[in-house]
């Protein structure tokens, strides 16, 4: 995206109602905060997140299944 495209979008945002403009400003502030974070996923972790998000039928464990798995690891 070019700077001109960004400017066009921001010019449109300025025509929106004040509440919606505040929403945009808040989202941009959140993005800036994220950029300041030292936490980053490596490429392998990013791919794992993508894989899990793409899973059409994710398996969720019951609380009892989670307890059993943790119990096996403690043994």
Protein backbone atom coordinates (compact mmCIF):
# COMPACT_ATOMS: atom_id res chain seq x y z
CA UNK A 1 0.00 0.00 0.00
CA UNK A 2 1.39 3.36 -0.96
CA UNK A 3 1.45 6.47 1.19
CA UNK A 4 -1.05 8.04 -1.20
CA UNK A 5 -3.47 5.13 -0.65
CA UNK A 6 -3.10 5.48 3.11
CA UNK A 7 -3.74 9.22 2.84
CA UNK A 8 -6.89 8.59 0.77
CA UNK A 9 -8.21 6.23 3.41
CA UNK A 10 -7.41 8.64 6.23
CA UNK A 11 -9.12 11.46 4.33
CA UNK A 12 -12.26 9.29 4.13
CA UNK A 13 -12.01 8.49 7.84
CA UNK A 14 -12.16 12.23 8.56
CA UNK A 15 -15.63 12.29 6.96
CA UNK A 16 -16.93 9.63 9.34
CA UNK A 17 -18.86 10.35 12.56
CA UNK A 18 -16.68 11.29 15.54
CA UNK A 19 -17.37 7.99 17.32
CA UNK A 20 -16.10 5.96 14.36
CA UNK A 21 -13.03 8.20 14.06
CA UNK A 22 -12.33 7.52 17.74
CA UNK A 23 -12.57 3.77 17.01
CA UNK A 24 -9.95 4.11 14.26
CA UNK A 25 -7.67 6.16 16.51
CA UNK A 26 -7.97 3.53 19.25
CA UNK A 27 -7.12 0.70 16.85
CA UNK A 28 -4.04 2.57 15.62
CA UNK A 29 -2.95 3.18 19.22
CA UNK A 30 -3.29 -0.55 19.96
CA UNK A 31 -1.18 -1.36 16.90
CA UNK A 32 1.50 1.07 18.08
CA UNK A 33 1.51 -0.58 21.51
CA UNK A 34 1.93 -4.00 19.91
CA UNK A 35 4.88 -2.73 17.89
CA UNK A 36 6.59 -1.69 21.15
CA UNK A 37 6.29 -5.20 22.58
CA UNK A 38 9.37 -7.41 22.76
CA UNK A 39 7.18 -10.49 22.30
CA UNK A 40 7.41 -11.96 18.80
CA UNK A 41 6.47 -15.28 17.26
CA UNK A 42 9.13 -17.04 15.24
CA UNK A 43 8.30 -18.37 11.76
CA UNK A 44 7.57 -21.84 13.10
CA UNK A 45 5.12 -20.47 15.67
CA UNK A 46 3.38 -18.32 13.05
CA UNK A 47 2.90 -21.37 10.84
CA UNK A 48 1.51 -23.37 13.78
CA UNK A 49 -1.02 -20.61 14.52
CA UNK A 50 -2.05 -20.54 10.85
CA UNK A 51 -2.37 -24.32 10.80
CA UNK A 52 -4.56 -24.32 13.89
CA UNK A 53 -6.76 -21.51 12.60
CA UNK A 54 -7.24 -23.40 9.34
CA UNK A 55 -8.27 -26.62 11.11
CA UNK A 56 -11.92 -27.17 10.11
CA UNK A 57 -12.74 -29.36 13.13
CA UNK A 58 -10.44 -28.46 16.00
CA UNK A 59 -10.44 -30.92 18.87
CA UNK A 60 -11.17 -29.43 22.25
CA UNK A 61 -10.35 -31.36 25.36
CA UNK A 62 -12.70 -31.74 28.27
CA UNK A 63 -11.47 -30.64 31.67
CA UNK A 64 -11.11 -34.28 32.64
CA UNK A 65 -8.96 -35.00 29.55
CA UNK A 66 -6.70 -32.08 30.42
CA UNK A 67 -6.34 -33.32 33.99
CA UNK A 68 -5.44 -36.81 32.74
CA UNK A 69 -2.78 -35.46 30.41
CA UNK A 70 -1.21 -33.36 33.16
CA UNK A 71 -1.35 -36.34 35.54
CA UNK A 72 0.51 -38.53 33.02
CA UNK A 73 3.24 -35.89 32.66
CA UNK A 74 3.76 -35.65 36.41
CA UNK A 75 4.30 -39.41 36.76
